Amino acid sequence: MVSPCLVLLPNEAIISTLIGMYIEKLKKANSEGFEEKIIALTKADKNQFEKIIFELDIAYQILIANHKVNFIKTKREEQETTPDLLVDDSI
């Protein structure tokens, strides 16, 4: 299956549709931490927006491969590098 993120056209409606797909799938799977990612999208600059969309796309791909996925809270204040996702309860 081709990742929806790889076929993005420069059209806000398409991006909104993809984000809706990601939200629906992540919510249905009870993925922890995705709400914070969605909120971060509304405050993100272009670079951060693309990074978050990429994380959501990867999480979506993991879910459709029948794995559990949760987002790991970023420790920005400590400037510590952390993994973004927890898959099947492991890093």
N, C-alpha and C. Protein backbone atom coordinates (compact mmCIF):
# COMPACT_ATOMS: atom_id res chain seq x y z
N MET A 1 0.84 -1.18 0.00
CA MET A 1 0.00 0.00 0.00
C MET A 1 0.88 1.24 0.00
N VAL A 2 0.55 2.21 -0.82
CA VAL A 2 1.29 3.46 -0.90
C VAL A 2 0.87 4.34 0.27
N SER A 3 1.84 4.91 0.92
CA SER A 3 1.56 5.80 2.04
C SER A 3 0.81 7.03 1.54
N PRO A 4 -0.30 7.41 2.20
CA PRO A 4 -1.02 8.61 1.77
C PRO A 4 -0.14 9.85 1.76
N CYS A 5 0.83 9.90 2.65
CA CYS A 5 1.70 11.07 2.74
C CYS A 5 2.58 11.21 1.50
N LEU A 6 2.86 10.12 0.81
CA LEU A 6 3.73 10.16 -0.35
C LEU A 6 3.04 10.67 -1.60
N VAL A 7 1.73 10.74 -1.59
CA VAL A 7 1.00 11.20 -2.76
C VAL A 7 0.33 12.55 -2.52
N LEU A 8 0.84 13.32 -1.56
CA LEU A 8 0.27 14.62 -1.26
C LEU A 8 0.39 15.57 -2.44
N LEU A 9 -0.68 16.24 -2.73
CA LEU A 9 -0.67 17.31 -3.71
C LEU A 9 -0.73 18.62 -2.94
N PRO A 10 -0.28 19.69 -3.54
CA PRO A 10 -0.32 20.97 -2.83
C PRO A 10 -1.74 21.50 -2.70
N ASN A 11 -2.55 20.81 -1.96
CA ASN A 11 -3.95 21.16 -1.83
C ASN A 11 -4.35 20.97 -0.37
N GLU A 12 -4.80 22.04 0.25
CA GLU A 12 -5.16 21.98 1.67
C GLU A 12 -6.29 20.98 1.94
N ALA A 13 -7.19 20.80 1.00
CA ALA A 13 -8.29 19.86 1.20
C ALA A 13 -7.76 18.43 1.31
N ILE A 14 -6.78 18.10 0.49
CA ILE A 14 -6.20 16.76 0.54
C ILE A 14 -5.46 16.56 1.86
N ILE A 15 -4.69 17.55 2.28
CA ILE A 15 -3.96 17.46 3.54
C ILE A 15 -4.95 17.30 4.70
N SER A 16 -6.02 18.07 4.67
CA SER A 16 -7.05 17.97 5.71
C SER A 16 -7.68 16.58 5.74
N THR A 17 -7.92 16.01 4.56
CA THR A 17 -8.49 14.67 4.47
C THR A 17 -7.55 13.64 5.08
N LEU A 18 -6.27 13.74 4.76
CA LEU A 18 -5.29 12.81 5.33
C LEU A 18 -5.22 12.94 6.84
N ILE A 19 -5.19 14.16 7.33
CA ILE A 19 -5.16 14.36 8.78
C ILE A 19 -6.41 13.74 9.41
N GLY A 20 -7.55 13.90 8.76
CA GLY A 20 -8.79 13.28 9.25
C GLY A 20 -8.69 11.76 9.31
N MET A 21 -8.08 11.16 8.27
CA MET A 21 -7.87 9.70 8.27
C MET A 21 -6.99 9.29 9.43
N TYR A 22 -5.91 10.03 9.64
CA TYR A 22 -4.98 9.70 10.72
C TYR A 22 -5.68 9.80 12.07
N ILE A 23 -6.42 10.89 12.27
CA ILE A 23 -7.12 11.08 13.54
C ILE A 23 -8.11 9.96 13.78
N GLU A 24 -8.91 9.63 12.77
CA GLU A 24 -9.92 8.58 12.92
C GLU A 24 -9.28 7.24 13.30
N LYS A 25 -8.22 6.86 12.61
CA LYS A 25 -7.56 5.58 12.87
C LYS A 25 -6.90 5.56 14.25
N LEU A 26 -6.20 6.65 14.60
CA LEU A 26 -5.50 6.72 15.89
C LEU A 26 -6.49 6.76 17.05
N LYS A 27 -7.59 7.46 16.87
CA LYS A 27 -8.61 7.53 17.92
C LYS A 27 -9.26 6.17 18.11
N LYS A 28 -9.61 5.51 17.01
CA LYS A 28 -10.24 4.20 17.07
C LYS A 28 -9.32 3.18 17.76
N ALA A 29 -8.02 3.32 17.56
CA ALA A 29 -7.04 2.40 18.15
C ALA A 29 -6.65 2.78 19.58
N ASN A 30 -7.23 3.86 20.09
CA ASN A 30 -6.89 4.36 21.43
C ASN A 30 -5.39 4.62 21.59
N SER A 31 -4.78 5.17 20.55
CA SER A 31 -3.36 5.51 20.60
C SER A 31 -3.15 6.69 21.53
N GLU A 32 -2.29 6.51 22.49
CA GLU A 32 -2.02 7.57 23.46
C GLU A 32 -1.13 8.64 22.84
N GLY A 33 -1.42 9.89 23.17
CA GLY A 33 -0.56 11.00 22.78
C GLY A 33 -0.85 11.62 21.43
N PHE A 34 -1.76 11.05 20.65
CA PHE A 34 -1.99 11.62 19.33
C PHE A 34 -2.71 12.96 19.41
N GLU A 35 -3.50 13.16 20.46
CA GLU A 35 -4.21 14.44 20.61
C GLU A 35 -3.22 15.60 20.71
N GLU A 36 -2.13 15.37 21.43
CA GLU A 36 -1.10 16.41 21.57
C GLU A 36 -0.45 16.72 20.23
N LYS A 37 -0.30 15.70 19.39
CA LYS A 37 0.28 15.92 18.06
C LYS A 37 -0.65 16.76 17.20
N ILE A 38 -1.94 16.51 17.31
CA ILE A 38 -2.91 17.28 16.53
C ILE A 38 -2.91 18.74 16.99
N ILE A 39 -2.86 18.95 18.30
CA ILE A 39 -2.80 20.32 18.82
C ILE A 39 -1.51 21.00 18.35
N ALA A 40 -0.41 20.26 18.36
CA ALA A 40 0.88 20.81 17.92
C ALA A 40 0.83 21.22 16.45
N LEU A 41 0.04 20.52 15.64
CA LEU A 41 -0.09 20.88 14.22
C LEU A 41 -0.61 22.30 14.06
N THR A 42 -1.53 22.70 14.94
CA THR A 42 -2.14 24.02 14.81
C THR A 42 -1.18 25.15 15.17
N LYS A 43 -0.09 24.81 15.86
CA LYS A 43 0.88 25.82 16.30
C LYS A 43 2.21 25.72 15.56
N ALA A 44 2.32 24.76 14.66
CA ALA A 44 3.61 24.43 14.05
C ALA A 44 3.96 25.35 12.88
N ASP A 45 5.28 25.58 12.73
CA ASP A 45 5.76 26.23 11.51
C ASP A 45 5.83 25.15 10.42
N LYS A 46 6.20 25.54 9.20
CA LYS A 46 6.18 24.58 8.08
C LYS A 46 7.05 23.35 8.36
N ASN A 47 8.25 23.55 8.88
CA ASN A 47 9.15 22.43 9.14
C ASN A 47 8.57 21.48 10.20
N GLN A 48 8.08 22.04 11.28
CA GLN A 48 7.50 21.23 12.36
C GLN A 48 6.21 20.56 11.88
N PHE A 49 5.42 21.27 11.08
CA PHE A 49 4.18 20.70 10.53
C PHE A 49 4.49 19.45 9.73
N GLU A 50 5.49 19.52 8.86
CA GLU A 50 5.87 18.36 8.04
C GLU A 50 6.38 17.21 8.90
N LYS A 51 7.12 17.52 9.96
CA LYS A 51 7.62 16.49 10.87
C LYS A 51 6.46 15.77 11.56
N ILE A 52 5.49 16.53 12.02
CA ILE A 52 4.35 15.93 12.72
C ILE A 52 3.50 15.10 11.75
N ILE A 53 3.28 15.61 10.55
CA ILE A 53 2.54 14.85 9.54
C ILE A 53 3.25 13.53 9.26
N PHE A 54 4.58 13.58 9.17
CA PHE A 54 5.35 12.36 8.93
C PHE A 54 5.15 11.36 10.08
N GLU A 55 5.21 11.84 11.33
CA GLU A 55 4.99 10.97 12.49
C GLU A 55 3.59 10.35 12.45
N LEU A 56 2.59 11.17 12.13
CA LEU A 56 1.22 10.66 12.05
C LEU A 56 1.09 9.62 10.94
N ASP A 57 1.75 9.86 9.82
CA ASP A 57 1.71 8.91 8.71
C ASP A 57 2.35 7.59 9.10
N ILE A 58 3.50 7.64 9.75
CA ILE A 58 4.18 6.41 10.19
C ILE A 58 3.29 5.66 11.18
N ALA A 59 2.70 6.39 12.13
CA ALA A 59 1.80 5.75 13.11
C ALA A 59 0.62 5.09 12.39
N TYR A 60 0.07 5.77 11.39
CA TYR A 60 -1.03 5.22 10.61
C TYR A 60 -0.61 3.93 9.92
N GLN A 61 0.56 3.94 9.30
CA GLN A 61 1.07 2.74 8.61
C GLN A 61 1.27 1.57 9.59
N ILE A 62 1.75 1.87 10.77
CA ILE A 62 1.94 0.84 11.80
C ILE A 62 0.59 0.24 12.20
N LEU A 63 -0.41 1.10 12.38
CA LEU A 63 -1.73 0.62 12.76
C LEU A 63 -2.36 -0.26 11.68
N ILE A 64 -2.23 0.14 10.42
CA ILE A 64 -2.85 -0.69 9.39
C ILE A 64 -2.10 -2.00 9.18
N ALA A 65 -0.88 -2.08 9.75
CA ALA A 65 -0.13 -3.35 9.73
C ALA A 65 -0.46 -4.17 10.98
N ASN A 66 -1.53 -3.77 11.67
CA ASN A 66 -2.05 -4.49 12.85
C ASN A 66 -1.10 -4.51 14.04
N HIS A 67 -0.46 -3.38 14.29
CA HIS A 67 0.36 -3.22 15.48
C HIS A 67 -0.21 -2.09 16.33
N LYS A 68 0.08 -2.12 17.59
CA LYS A 68 -0.33 -1.08 18.52
C LYS A 68 0.72 0.03 18.48
N VAL A 69 0.27 1.28 18.49
CA VAL A 69 1.22 2.40 18.46
C VAL A 69 0.75 3.51 19.40
N ASN A 70 1.70 4.08 20.14
CA ASN A 70 1.47 5.23 21.01
C ASN A 70 2.59 6.24 20.78
N PHE A 71 2.28 7.50 21.00
CA PHE A 71 3.27 8.56 20.86
C PHE A 71 3.96 8.77 22.20
N ILE A 72 5.26 8.93 22.16
CA ILE A 72 6.05 9.18 23.36
C ILE A 72 6.15 10.69 23.55
N LYS A 73 5.86 11.14 24.75
CA LYS A 73 5.92 12.56 25.03
C LYS A 73 7.35 13.07 24.88
N THR A 74 7.49 14.17 24.14
CA THR A 74 8.80 14.77 23.91
C THR A 74 9.24 15.56 25.14
N LYS A 75 10.51 15.45 25.47
CA LYS A 75 11.05 16.19 26.61
C LYS A 75 11.83 17.40 26.09
N ARG A 76 11.10 18.36 25.55
CA ARG A 76 11.72 19.55 24.94
C ARG A 76 12.54 20.37 25.94
N GLU A 77 12.01 20.51 27.15
CA GLU A 77 12.69 21.36 28.13
C GLU A 77 14.07 20.83 28.48
N GLU A 78 14.26 19.54 28.37
CA GLU A 78 15.56 18.94 28.69
C GLU A 78 16.43 18.78 27.45
N GLN A 79 15.88 19.12 26.29
CA GLN A 79 16.57 18.96 25.02
C GLN A 79 17.16 17.56 24.86
N GLU A 80 16.44 16.61 25.36
CA GLU A 80 16.85 15.21 25.29
C GLU A 80 16.22 14.58 24.05
N THR A 81 17.00 13.83 23.32
CA THR A 81 16.48 13.12 22.16
C THR A 81 15.75 11.88 22.64
N THR A 82 14.51 11.75 22.19
CA THR A 82 13.69 10.60 22.58
C THR A 82 13.06 9.99 21.33
N PRO A 83 12.70 8.71 21.39
CA PRO A 83 11.94 8.12 20.27
C PRO A 83 10.58 8.80 20.16
N ASP A 84 9.98 8.76 18.98
CA ASP A 84 8.68 9.37 18.78
C ASP A 84 7.52 8.43 19.05
N LEU A 85 7.76 7.13 18.79
CA LEU A 85 6.67 6.16 18.86
C LEU A 85 7.02 4.95 19.70
N LEU A 86 6.01 4.42 20.33
CA LEU A 86 6.11 3.17 21.06
C LEU A 86 5.25 2.17 20.29
N VAL A 87 5.86 1.11 19.76
CA VAL A 87 5.15 0.15 18.92
C VAL A 87 5.07 -1.18 19.68
N ASP A 88 3.87 -1.69 19.80
CA ASP A 88 3.64 -2.94 20.54
C ASP A 88 4.31 -2.91 21.91
N ASP A 89 4.19 -1.75 22.57
CA ASP A 89 4.72 -1.51 23.92
C ASP A 89 6.24 -1.62 24.04
N SER A 90 6.95 -1.39 22.96
CA SER A 90 8.42 -1.36 23.04
C SER A 90 8.96 -0.29 22.09
N ILE A 91 10.16 0.17 22.41
CA ILE A 91 10.80 1.23 21.62
C ILE A 91 11.50 0.61 20.43
